[in-house]
PDB file of N, CA and C in Angstrom:
ATOM      1  N   UNK A   1     136.383  71.186 147.778  1.00  0.00           N
ATOM      2  CA  UNK A   1     137.155  71.320 148.999  1.00  0.00           C
ATOM      3  C   UNK A   1     136.675  70.324 150.033  1.00  0.00           C
ATOM      4  N   UNK A   2     136.868  69.092 149.810  1.00  0.00           N
ATOM      5  CA  UNK A   2     136.405  68.066 150.731  1.00  0.00           C
ATOM      6  C   UNK A   2     137.356  67.939 151.903  1.00  0.00           C
ATOM      7  N   UNK A   3     136.768  67.667 153.101  1.00  0.00           N
ATOM      8  CA  UNK A   3     137.578  67.397 154.268  1.00  0.00           C
ATOM      9  C   UNK A   3     138.100  68.634 154.965  1.00  0.00           C
ATOM     10  N   UNK A   4     137.860  69.820 154.417  1.00  0.00           N
ATOM     11  CA  UNK A   4     138.344  71.044 155.045  1.00  0.00           C
ATOM     12  C   UNK A   4     137.241  72.080 155.099  1.00  0.00           C
ATOM     13  N   UNK A   5     137.636  73.298 155.309  1.00  0.00           N
ATOM     14  CA  UNK A   5     136.669  74.380 155.367  1.00  0.00           C
ATOM     15  C   UNK A   5     136.087  74.619 153.982  1.00  0.00           C
ATOM     16  N   UNK A   6     134.833  74.961 153.957  1.00  0.00           N
ATOM     17  CA  UNK A   6     134.165  75.288 152.715  1.00  0.00           C
ATOM     18  C   UNK A   6     133.855  76.785 152.752  1.00  0.00           C
ATOM     19  N   UNK A   7     134.547  77.596 151.946  1.00  0.00           N
ATOM     20  CA  UNK A   7     134.294  79.028 151.999  1.00  0.00           C
ATOM     21  C   UNK A   7     132.921  79.359 151.442  1.00  0.00           C
ATOM     22  N   UNK A   8     132.334  80.367 152.037  1.00  0.00           N
ATOM     23  CA  UNK A   8     131.024  80.830 151.636  1.00  0.00           C
ATOM     24  C   UNK A   8     131.170  82.311 151.340  1.00  0.00           C
ATOM     25  N   UNK A   9     130.175  82.942 150.747  1.00  0.00           N
ATOM     26  CA  UNK A   9     130.286  84.342 150.382  1.00  0.00           C
ATOM     27  C   UNK A   9     130.621  85.202 151.585  1.00  0.00           C
ATOM     28  N   UNK A  10     131.047  86.421 151.316  1.00  0.00           N
ATOM     29  CA  UNK A  10     131.487  87.318 152.378  1.00  0.00           C
ATOM     30  C   UNK A  10     130.371  87.676 153.350  1.00  0.00           C
ATOM     31  N   UNK A  11     129.117  87.510 152.957  1.00  0.00           N
ATOM     32  CA  UNK A  11     128.018  87.864 153.840  1.00  0.00           C
ATOM     33  C   UNK A  11     127.670  86.749 154.811  1.00  0.00           C
ATOM     34  N   UNK A  12     128.305  85.596 154.663  1.00  0.00           N
ATOM     35  CA  UNK A  12     128.031  84.477 155.564  1.00  0.00           C
ATOM     36  C   UNK A  12     129.327  84.005 156.197  1.00  0.00           C
ATOM     37  N   UNK A  13     129.189  83.083 157.111  1.00  0.00           N
ATOM     38  CA  UNK A  13     130.359  82.551 157.805  1.00  0.00           C
ATOM     39  C   UNK A  13     130.896  81.337 157.065  1.00  0.00           C
ATOM     40  N   UNK A  14     132.141  80.992 157.349  1.00  0.00           N
ATOM     41  CA  UNK A  14     132.747  79.791 156.796  1.00  0.00           C
ATOM     42  C   UNK A  14     132.188  78.579 157.528  1.00  0.00           C
ATOM     43  N   UNK A  15     131.798  77.575 156.770  1.00  0.00           N
ATOM     44  CA  UNK A  15     131.234  76.369 157.360  1.00  0.00           C
ATOM     45  C   UNK A  15     132.367  75.430 157.728  1.00  0.00           C
ATOM     46  N   UNK A  16     132.412  75.067 158.986  1.00  0.00           N
ATOM     47  CA  UNK A  16     133.419  74.126 159.464  1.00  0.00           C
ATOM     48  C   UNK A  16     132.792  72.729 159.479  1.00  0.00           C
ATOM     49  N   UNK A  17     133.570  71.703 159.175  1.00  0.00           N
ATOM     50  CA  UNK A  17     133.024  70.349 159.245  1.00  0.00           C
ATOM     51  C   UNK A  17     132.595  70.019 160.679  1.00  0.00           C
ATOM     52  N   UNK A  18     131.512  69.274 160.802  1.00  0.00           N
ATOM     53  CA  UNK A  18     131.001  68.872 162.110  1.00  0.00           C
ATOM     54  C   UNK A  18     131.693  67.578 162.515  1.00  0.00           C
ATOM     55  N   UNK A  19     132.361  67.630 163.638  1.00  0.00           N
ATOM     56  CA  UNK A  19     133.050  66.445 164.151  1.00  0.00           C
ATOM     57  C   UNK A  19     132.142  65.715 165.143  1.00  0.00           C
ATOM     58  N   UNK A  20     132.488  64.500 165.414  1.00  0.00           N
ATOM     59  CA  UNK A  20     131.734  63.685 166.368  1.00  0.00           C
ATOM     60  C   UNK A  20     131.689  64.367 167.732  1.00  0.00           C
ATOM     61  N   UNK A  21     132.796  64.996 168.137  1.00  0.00           N
ATOM     62  CA  UNK A  21     132.833  65.696 169.425  1.00  0.00           C
ATOM     63  C   UNK A  21     131.844  66.865 169.454  1.00  0.00           C
ATOM     64  N   UNK A  22     131.665  67.530 168.310  1.00  0.00           N
ATOM     65  CA  UNK A  22     130.693  68.626 168.234  1.00  0.00           C
ATOM     66  C   UNK A  22     129.276  68.097 168.455  1.00  0.00           C
ATOM     67  N   UNK A  23     128.982  66.976 167.835  1.00  0.00           N
ATOM     68  CA  UNK A  23     127.657  66.366 168.004  1.00  0.00           C
ATOM     69  C   UNK A  23     127.456  65.947 169.454  1.00  0.00           C
ATOM     70  N   UNK A  24     128.497  65.377 170.048  1.00  0.00           N
ATOM     71  CA  UNK A  24     128.410  64.964 171.451  1.00  0.00           C
ATOM     72  C   UNK A  24     128.165  66.173 172.351  1.00  0.00           C
ATOM     73  N   UNK A  25     128.832  67.278 172.069  1.00  0.00           N
ATOM     74  CA  UNK A  25     128.647  68.500 172.851  1.00  0.00           C
ATOM     75  C   UNK A  25     127.221  69.033 172.688  1.00  0.00           C
ATOM     76  N   UNK A  26     126.724  69.068 171.450  1.00  0.00           N
ATOM     77  CA  UNK A  26     125.350  69.519 171.211  1.00  0.00           C
ATOM     78  C   UNK A  26     124.342  68.612 171.903  1.00  0.00           C
ATOM     79  N   UNK A  27     124.596  67.319 171.872  1.00  0.00           N
ATOM     80  CA  UNK A  27     123.691  66.363 172.525  1.00  0.00           C
ATOM     81  C   UNK A  27     123.666  66.608 174.030  1.00  0.00           C
ATOM     82  N   UNK A  28     124.833  66.847 174.605  1.00  0.00           N
ATOM     83  CA  UNK A  28     124.896  67.100 176.046  1.00  0.00           C
ATOM     84  C   UNK A  28     124.149  68.388 176.388  1.00  0.00           C
ATOM     85  N   UNK A  29     124.345  69.450 175.595  1.00  0.00           N
ATOM     86  CA  UNK A  29     123.634  70.707 175.837  1.00  0.00           C
ATOM     87  C   UNK A  29     122.119  70.541 175.696  1.00  0.00           C
ATOM     88  N   UNK A  30     121.719  69.653 174.798  1.00  0.00           N
ATOM     89  CA  UNK A  30     120.297  69.394 174.564  1.00  0.00           C
ATOM     90  C   UNK A  30     119.740  68.336 175.494  1.00  0.00           C
ATOM     91  N   UNK A  31     120.594  67.815 176.351  1.00  0.00           N
ATOM     92  CA  UNK A  31     120.227  66.751 177.283  1.00  0.00           C
ATOM     93  C   UNK A  31     119.701  65.511 176.559  1.00  0.00           C
ATOM     94  N   UNK A  32     120.402  65.168 175.476  1.00  0.00           N
ATOM     95  CA  UNK A  32     120.083  63.964 174.719  1.00  0.00           C
ATOM     96  C   UNK A  32     121.135  62.909 175.014  1.00  0.00           C
ATOM     97  N   UNK A  33     120.698  61.726 175.323  1.00  0.00           N
ATOM     98  CA  UNK A  33     121.616  60.615 175.557  1.00  0.00           C
ATOM     99  C   UNK A  33     121.775  59.854 174.246  1.00  0.00           C
ATOM    100  N   UNK A  34     122.906  60.053 173.581  1.00  0.00           N
ATOM    101  CA  UNK A  34     123.155  59.391 172.307  1.00  0.00           C
ATOM    102  C   UNK A  34     124.234  58.325 172.481  1.00  0.00           C
ATOM    103  N   UNK A  35     124.025  57.212 171.809  1.00  0.00           N
ATOM    104  CA  UNK A  35     125.025  56.145 171.843  1.00  0.00           C
ATOM    105  C   UNK A  35     126.177  56.512 170.910  1.00  0.00           C
ATOM    106  N   UNK A  36     127.270  55.768 171.007  1.00  0.00           N
ATOM    107  CA  UNK A  36     128.412  56.008 170.124  1.00  0.00           C
ATOM    108  C   UNK A  36     128.030  55.851 168.661  1.00  0.00           C
ATOM    109  N   UNK A  37     127.210  54.854 168.367  1.00  0.00           N
ATOM    110  CA  UNK A  37     126.812  54.646 166.962  1.00  0.00           C
ATOM    111  C   UNK A  37     125.917  55.790 166.475  1.00  0.00           C
ATOM    112  N   UNK A  38     125.072  56.322 167.352  1.00  0.00           N
ATOM    113  CA  UNK A  38     124.240  57.460 166.966  1.00  0.00           C
ATOM    114  C   UNK A  38     125.098  58.696 166.713  1.00  0.00           C
ATOM    115  N   UNK A  39     126.102  58.920 167.547  1.00  0.00           N
ATOM    116  CA  UNK A  39     127.007  60.054 167.345  1.00  0.00           C
ATOM    117  C   UNK A  39     127.736  59.925 166.008  1.00  0.00           C
ATOM    118  N   UNK A  40     128.223  58.714 165.716  1.00  0.00           N
ATOM    119  CA  UNK A  40     128.921  58.473 164.447  1.00  0.00           C
ATOM    120  C   UNK A  40     127.992  58.667 163.256  1.00  0.00           C
ATOM    121  N   UNK A  41     126.731  58.315 163.424  1.00  0.00           N
ATOM    122  CA  UNK A  41     125.753  58.425 162.352  1.00  0.00           C
ATOM    123  C   UNK A  41     125.321  59.877 162.141  1.00  0.00           C
ATOM    124  N   UNK A  42     125.153  60.637 163.229  1.00  0.00           N
ATOM    125  CA  UNK A  42     124.630  61.995 163.125  1.00  0.00           C
ATOM    126  C   UNK A  42     125.653  63.024 162.662  1.00  0.00           C
ATOM    127  N   UNK A  43     126.917  62.826 162.970  1.00  0.00           N
ATOM    128  CA  UNK A  43     127.941  63.813 162.605  1.00  0.00           C
ATOM    129  C   UNK A  43     127.947  64.116 161.103  1.00  0.00           C
ATOM    130  N   UNK A  44     128.030  63.102 160.231  1.00  0.00           N
ATOM    131  CA  UNK A  44     128.016  63.424 158.797  1.00  0.00           C
ATOM    132  C   UNK A  44     126.684  64.005 158.331  1.00  0.00           C
ATOM    133  N   UNK A  45     125.581  63.605 158.963  1.00  0.00           N
ATOM    134  CA  UNK A  45     124.286  64.157 158.574  1.00  0.00           C
ATOM    135  C   UNK A  45     124.208  65.647 158.899  1.00  0.00           C
ATOM    136  N   UNK A  46     124.646  66.031 160.092  1.00  0.00           N
ATOM    137  CA  UNK A  46     124.642  67.448 160.454  1.00  0.00           C
ATOM    138  C   UNK A  46     125.591  68.237 159.562  1.00  0.00           C
ATOM    139  N   UNK A  47     126.699  67.645 159.190  1.00  0.00           N
ATOM    140  CA  UNK A  47     127.634  68.296 158.285  1.00  0.00           C
ATOM    141  C   UNK A  47     126.971  68.558 156.935  1.00  0.00           C
ATOM    142  N   UNK A  48     126.221  67.587 156.436  1.00  0.00           N
ATOM    143  CA  UNK A  48     125.505  67.759 155.165  1.00  0.00           C
ATOM    144  C   UNK A  48     124.450  68.852 155.268  1.00  0.00           C
ATOM    145  N   UNK A  49     123.740  68.908 156.383  1.00  0.00           N
ATOM    146  CA  UNK A  49     122.699  69.922 156.569  1.00  0.00           C
ATOM    147  C   UNK A  49     123.320  71.313 156.555  1.00  0.00           C
ATOM    148  N   UNK A  50     124.405  71.501 157.306  1.00  0.00           N
ATOM    149  CA  UNK A  50     125.059  72.807 157.354  1.00  0.00           C
ATOM    150  C   UNK A  50     125.633  73.189 155.993  1.00  0.00           C
ATOM    151  N   UNK A  51     126.133  72.221 155.266  1.00  0.00           N
ATOM    152  CA  UNK A  51     126.636  72.504 153.920  1.00  0.00           C
ATOM    153  C   UNK A  51     125.505  72.948 152.996  1.00  0.00           C
ATOM    154  N   UNK A  52     124.361  72.315 153.106  1.00  0.00           N
ATOM    155  CA  UNK A  52     123.215  72.691 152.281  1.00  0.00           C
ATOM    156  C   UNK A  52     122.749  74.101 152.609  1.00  0.00           C
ATOM    157  N   UNK A  53     122.711  74.439 153.888  1.00  0.00           N
ATOM    158  CA  UNK A  53     122.319  75.790 154.296  1.00  0.00           C
ATOM    159  C   UNK A  53     123.324  76.806 153.760  1.00  0.00           C
ATOM    160  N   UNK A  54     124.592  76.480 153.812  1.00  0.00           N
ATOM    161  CA  UNK A  54     125.624  77.380 153.293  1.00  0.00           C
ATOM    162  C   UNK A  54     125.445  77.609 151.797  1.00  0.00           C
ATOM    163  N   UNK A  55     125.087  76.563 151.054  1.00  0.00           N
ATOM    164  CA  UNK A  55     124.862  76.715 149.609  1.00  0.00           C
ATOM    165  C   UNK A  55     123.666  77.619 149.347  1.00  0.00           C
ATOM    166  N   UNK A  56     122.629  77.515 150.150  1.00  0.00           N
ATOM    167  CA  UNK A  56     121.463  78.380 149.984  1.00  0.00           C
ATOM    168  C   UNK A  56     121.854  79.832 150.251  1.00  0.00           C
ATOM    169  N   UNK A  57     122.711  80.044 151.239  1.00  0.00           N
ATOM    170  CA  UNK A  57     123.145  81.397 151.562  1.00  0.00           C
ATOM    171  C   UNK A  57     124.006  82.008 150.467  1.00  0.00           C
ATOM    172  N   UNK A  58     124.592  81.180 149.608  1.00  0.00           N
ATOM    173  CA  UNK A  58     125.425  81.681 148.524  1.00  0.00           C
ATOM    174  C   UNK A  58     124.619  82.317 147.408  1.00  0.00           C
ATOM    175  N   UNK A  59     123.326  82.108 147.357  1.00  0.00           N
ATOM    176  CA  UNK A  59     122.490  82.633 146.292  1.00  0.00           C
ATOM    177  C   UNK A  59     122.595  84.157 146.280  1.00  0.00           C
ATOM    178  N   UNK A  60     122.813  84.705 145.111  1.00  0.00           N
ATOM    179  CA  UNK A  60     122.914  86.160 144.981  1.00  0.00           C
ATOM    180  C   UNK A  60     121.518  86.757 145.138  1.00  0.00           C
ATOM    181  N   UNK A  61     121.282  87.362 146.280  1.00  0.00           N
ATOM    182  CA  UNK A  61     119.952  87.896 146.566  1.00  0.00           C
ATOM    183  C   UNK A  61     119.983  89.397 146.816  1.00  0.00           C
ATOM    184  N   UNK A  62     121.047  90.061 146.402  1.00  0.00           N
ATOM    185  CA  UNK A  62     121.108  91.500 146.614  1.00  0.00           C
ATOM    186  C   UNK A  62     120.044  92.185 145.780  1.00  0.00           C
ATOM    187  N   UNK A  63     119.391  93.139 146.386  1.00  0.00           N
ATOM    188  CA  UNK A  63     118.329  93.866 145.703  1.00  0.00           C
ATOM    189  C   UNK A  63     116.979  93.177 145.762  1.00  0.00           C
ATOM    190  N   UNK A  64     116.932  91.991 146.336  1.00  0.00           N
ATOM    191  CA  UNK A  64     115.669  91.269 146.466  1.00  0.00           C
ATOM    192  C   UNK A  64     115.227  91.399 147.919  1.00  0.00           C
ATOM    193  N   UNK A  65     114.065  92.023 148.152  1.00  0.00           N
ATOM    194  CA  UNK A  65     113.622  92.199 149.547  1.00  0.00           C
ATOM    195  C   UNK A  65     113.243  90.870 150.177  1.00  0.00           C
ATOM    196  N   UNK A  66     113.529  90.708 151.461  1.00  0.00           N
ATOM    197  CA  UNK A  66     113.131  89.471 152.143  1.00  0.00           C
ATOM    198  C   UNK A  66     111.613  89.365 152.214  1.00  0.00           C
ATOM    199  N   UNK A  67     111.118  88.170 152.074  1.00  0.00           N
ATOM    200  CA  UNK A  67     109.677  87.941 152.149  1.00  0.00           C
ATOM    201  C   UNK A  67     109.402  86.727 153.023  1.00  0.00           C
ATOM    202  N   UNK A  68     108.188  86.669 153.535  1.00  0.00           N
ATOM    203  CA  UNK A  68     107.811  85.508 154.325  1.00  0.00           C
ATOM    204  C   UNK A  68     107.008  84.507 153.495  1.00  0.00           C
ATOM    205  N   UNK A  69     106.517  84.958 152.329  1.00  0.00           N
ATOM    206  CA  UNK A  69     105.725  84.082 151.466  1.00  0.00           C
ATOM    207  C   UNK A  69     106.131  84.309 150.011  1.00  0.00           C
ATOM    208  N   UNK A  70     106.011  83.294 149.212  1.00  0.00           N
ATOM    209  CA  UNK A  70     106.380  83.397 147.810  1.00  0.00           C
ATOM    210  C   UNK A  70     105.382  84.222 147.001  1.00  0.00           C
ATOM    211  N   UNK A  71     104.144  84.234 147.439  1.00  0.00           N
ATOM    212  CA  UNK A  71     103.105  85.011 146.743  1.00  0.00           C
ATOM    213  C   UNK A  71     102.472  85.978 147.734  1.00  0.00           C
ATOM    214  N   UNK A  72     101.952  87.103 147.260  1.00  0.00           N
ATOM    215  CA  UNK A  72     101.323  88.052 148.176  1.00  0.00           C
ATOM    216  C   UNK A  72     100.088  87.446 148.838  1.00  0.00           C
ATOM    217  N   UNK A  73      99.875  87.798 150.084  1.00  0.00           N
ATOM    218  CA  UNK A  73      98.723  87.305 150.821  1.00  0.00           C
ATOM    219  C   UNK A  73      97.678  88.409 150.936  1.00  0.00           C
ATOM    220  N   UNK A  74      96.424  88.012 150.951  1.00  0.00           N
ATOM    221  CA  UNK A  74      95.325  88.949 151.105  1.00  0.00           C
ATOM    222  C   UNK A  74      94.545  88.543 152.346  1.00  0.00           C
ATOM    223  N   UNK A  75      94.174  89.525 153.156  1.00  0.00           N
ATOM    224  CA  UNK A  75      93.382  89.246 154.349  1.00  0.00           C
ATOM    225  C   UNK A  75      92.000  88.759 153.923  1.00  0.00           C
ATOM    226  N   UNK A  76      91.625  87.567 154.364  1.00  0.00           N
ATOM    227  CA  UNK A  76      90.343  86.994 153.978  1.00  0.00           C
ATOM    228  C   UNK A  76      89.345  87.005 155.125  1.00  0.00           C
ATOM    229  N   UNK A  77      89.670  87.726 156.207  1.00  0.00           N
ATOM    230  CA  UNK A  77      88.766  87.779 157.340  1.00  0.00           C
ATOM    231  C   UNK A  77      87.597  88.717 157.063  1.00  0.00           C
ATOM    232  N   UNK A  78      86.456  88.386 157.589  1.00  0.00           N
ATOM    233  CA  UNK A  78      85.288  89.255 157.455  1.00  0.00           C
ATOM    234  C   UNK A  78      85.318  90.302 158.553  1.00  0.00           C
ATOM    235  N   UNK A  79      84.527  91.349 158.367  1.00  0.00           N
ATOM    236  CA  UNK A  79      84.402  92.361 159.413  1.00  0.00           C
ATOM    237  C   UNK A  79      83.693  91.748 160.614  1.00  0.00           C
ATOM    238  N   UNK A  80      84.072  92.192 161.796  1.00  0.00           N
ATOM    239  CA  UNK A  80      83.410  91.721 163.010  1.00  0.00           C
ATOM    240  C   UNK A  80      81.994  92.278 163.068  1.00  0.00           C
ATOM    241  N   UNK A  81      81.055  91.391 163.352  1.00  0.00           N
ATOM    242  CA  UNK A  81      79.660  91.787 163.475  1.00  0.00           C
ATOM    243  C   UNK A  81      79.164  91.285 164.827  1.00  0.00           C
ATOM    244  N   UNK A  82      78.585  92.191 165.604  1.00  0.00           N
ATOM    245  CA  UNK A  82      78.072  91.807 166.910  1.00  0.00           C
ATOM    246  C   UNK A  82      76.759  91.066 166.727  1.00  0.00           C
ATOM    247  N   UNK A  83      76.681  89.871 167.295  1.00  0.00           N
ATOM    248  CA  UNK A  83      75.457  89.073 167.245  1.00  0.00           C
ATOM    249  C   UNK A  83      75.149  88.608 168.659  1.00  0.00           C
ATOM    250  N   UNK A  84      73.889  88.382 168.954  1.00  0.00           N
ATOM    251  CA  UNK A  84      73.564  87.919 170.304  1.00  0.00           C
ATOM    252  C   UNK A  84      74.173  86.543 170.567  1.00  0.00           C
ATOM    253  N   UNK A  85      74.634  86.336 171.780  1.00  0.00           N
ATOM    254  CA  UNK A  85      75.218  85.044 172.128  1.00  0.00           C
ATOM    255  C   UNK A  85      74.188  84.210 172.895  1.00  0.00           C
ATOM    256  N   UNK A  86      74.533  82.946 173.096  1.00  0.00           N
ATOM    257  CA  UNK A  86      73.637  82.042 173.810  1.00  0.00           C
ATOM    258  C   UNK A  86      73.583  82.413 175.286  1.00  0.00           C
ATOM    259  N   UNK A  87      72.433  82.197 175.868  1.00  0.00           N
ATOM    260  CA  UNK A  87      72.337  82.348 177.322  1.00  0.00           C
ATOM    261  C   UNK A  87      72.948  81.103 177.959  1.00  0.00           C
ATOM    262  N   UNK A  88      73.222  81.164 179.246  1.00  0.00           N
ATOM    263  CA  UNK A  88      73.785  80.004 179.944  1.00  0.00           C
ATOM    264  C   UNK A  88      72.840  78.810 179.826  1.00  0.00           C
ATOM    265  N   UNK A  89      71.554  79.049 179.938  1.00  0.00           N
ATOM    266  CA  UNK A  89      70.581  77.953 179.842  1.00  0.00           C
ATOM    267  C   UNK A  89      70.601  77.314 178.461  1.00  0.00           C
ATOM    268  N   UNK A  90      70.683  78.155 177.415  1.00  0.00           N
ATOM    269  CA  UNK A  90      70.716  77.614 176.053  1.00  0.00           C
ATOM    270  C   UNK A  90      71.995  76.805 175.821  1.00  0.00           C
ATOM    271  N   UNK A  91      73.120  77.303 176.295  1.00  0.00           N
ATOM    272  CA  UNK A  91      74.389  76.605 176.092  1.00  0.00           C
ATOM    273  C   UNK A  91      74.403  75.277 176.836  1.00  0.00           C
ATOM    274  N   UNK A  92      73.841  75.266 178.042  1.00  0.00           N
ATOM    275  CA  UNK A  92      73.868  74.049 178.855  1.00  0.00           C
ATOM    276  C   UNK A  92      72.745  73.077 178.507  1.00  0.00           C
ATOM    277  N   UNK A  93      71.770  73.516 177.714  1.00  0.00           N
ATOM    278  CA  UNK A  93      70.619  72.658 177.433  1.00  0.00           C
ATOM    279  C   UNK A  93      70.999  71.392 176.666  1.00  0.00           C
ATOM    280  N   UNK A  94      72.054  71.413 175.884  1.00  0.00           N
ATOM    281  CA  UNK A  94      72.457  70.245 175.106  1.00  0.00           C
ATOM    282  C   UNK A  94      73.622  69.488 175.738  1.00  0.00           C
ATOM    283  N   UNK A  95      74.069  69.917 176.920  1.00  0.00           N
ATOM    284  CA  UNK A  95      75.196  69.260 177.581  1.00  0.00           C
ATOM    285  C   UNK A  95      74.787  67.892 178.102  1.00  0.00           C
ATOM    286  N   UNK A  96      75.670  66.906 178.009  1.00  0.00           N
ATOM    287  CA  UNK A  96      75.341  65.582 178.537  1.00  0.00           C
ATOM    288  C   UNK A  96      75.207  65.593 180.054  1.00  0.00           C
ATOM    289  N   UNK A  97      75.935  66.491 180.738  1.00  0.00           N
ATOM    290  CA  UNK A  97      75.854  66.565 182.194  1.00  0.00           C
ATOM    291  C   UNK A  97      76.130  68.006 182.625  1.00  0.00           C
ATOM    292  N   UNK A  98      75.321  68.495 183.570  1.00  0.00           N
ATOM    293  CA  UNK A  98      75.464  69.859 184.086  1.00  0.00           C
ATOM    294  C   UNK A  98      75.535  69.781 185.603  1.00  0.00           C
ATOM    295  N   UNK A  99      76.385  70.618 186.174  1.00  0.00           N
ATOM    296  CA  UNK A  99      76.499  70.684 187.625  1.00  0.00           C
ATOM    297  C   UNK A  99      76.760  72.136 188.008  1.00  0.00           C
ATOM    298  N   UNK A 100      75.896  72.695 188.842  1.00  0.00           N
ATOM    299  CA  UNK A 100      76.023  74.071 189.321  1.00  0.00           C
ATOM    300  C   UNK A 100      76.198  75.061 188.175  1.00  0.00           C
ATOM    301  N   UNK A 101      75.338  74.976 187.172  1.00  0.00           N
ATOM    302  CA  UNK A 101      75.342  75.865 186.008  1.00  0.00           C
ATOM    303  C   UNK A 101      76.664  75.811 185.223  1.00  0.00           C
ATOM    304  N   UNK A 102      77.303  74.644 185.226  1.00  0.00           N
ATOM    305  CA  UNK A 102      78.558  74.447 184.477  1.00  0.00           C
ATOM    306  C   UNK A 102      78.498  73.080 183.774  1.00  0.00           C
ATOM    307  N   UNK A 103      79.296  72.968 182.706  1.00  0.00           N
ATOM    308  CA  UNK A 103      79.425  71.667 182.048  1.00  0.00           C
ATOM    309  C   UNK A 103      80.129  70.718 183.001  1.00  0.00           C
ATOM    310  N   UNK A 104      79.573  69.529 183.196  1.00  0.00           N
ATOM    311  CA  UNK A 104      80.232  68.519 184.021  1.00  0.00           C
ATOM    312  C   UNK A 104      81.016  67.613 183.080  1.00  0.00           C
ATOM    313  N   UNK A 105      82.308  67.464 183.367  1.00  0.00           N
ATOM    314  CA  UNK A 105      83.178  66.636 182.530  1.00  0.00           C
ATOM    315  C   UNK A 105      83.888  65.622 183.412  1.00  0.00           C
ATOM    316  N   UNK A 106      84.321  64.509 182.842  1.00  0.00           N
ATOM    317  CA  UNK A 106      85.036  63.509 183.645  1.00  0.00           C
ATOM    318  C   UNK A 106      86.367  64.070 184.156  1.00  0.00           C
ATOM    319  N   UNK A 107      86.740  63.677 185.355  1.00  0.00           N
ATOM    320  CA  UNK A 107      88.010  64.078 185.934  1.00  0.00           C
ATOM    321  C   UNK A 107      89.132  63.384 185.178  1.00  0.00           C
ATOM    322  N   UNK A 108      90.146  64.154 184.775  1.00  0.00           N
ATOM    323  CA  UNK A 108      91.284  63.553 184.076  1.00  0.00           C
ATOM    324  C   UNK A 108      92.563  63.640 184.880  1.00  0.00           C
ATOM    325  N   UNK A 109      92.577  64.443 185.931  1.00  0.00           N
ATOM    326  CA  UNK A 109      93.748  64.564 186.780  1.00  0.00           C
ATOM    327  C   UNK A 109      93.395  64.072 188.180  1.00  0.00           C
ATOM    328  N   UNK A 110      94.272  63.289 188.743  1.00  0.00           N
ATOM    329  CA  UNK A 110      94.035  62.794 190.102  1.00  0.00           C
ATOM    330  C   UNK A 110      94.413  63.888 191.096  1.00  0.00           C
ATOM    331  N   UNK A 111      93.677  63.938 192.190  1.00  0.00           N
ATOM    332  CA  UNK A 111      94.021  64.894 193.237  1.00  0.00           C
ATOM    333  C   UNK A 111      95.170  64.346 194.033  1.00  0.00           C
ATOM    334  N   UNK A 112      96.159  65.208 194.298  1.00  0.00           N
ATOM    335  CA  UNK A 112      97.336  64.776 195.058  1.00  0.00           C
ATOM    336  C   UNK A 112      97.212  65.187 196.499  1.00  0.00           C
TER     337      UNK A 112
END
């Protein structure tokens, strides 16, 4: 069914071809300044992407629970164990520069 609507299963929507005007509208909503050649180039690409997504949606997946991973995941975190932390003096002892009991770092933002 080239050039027209491509029907998809009843659980999904019908994919409409993406026109240049649709791309221009999306670009404007996204605040993207696209040239005429970019609009002409992107329209068929977006149409292909939507068609591919529609084909994926056609897969018969009834009875298959949705998953976020292909294989089961196991928690690999260790139990929390309370350990003594460094004192301020110990933490600052290896600092290249200290000022008023704090790490001194170069200024990266100008004052306005």
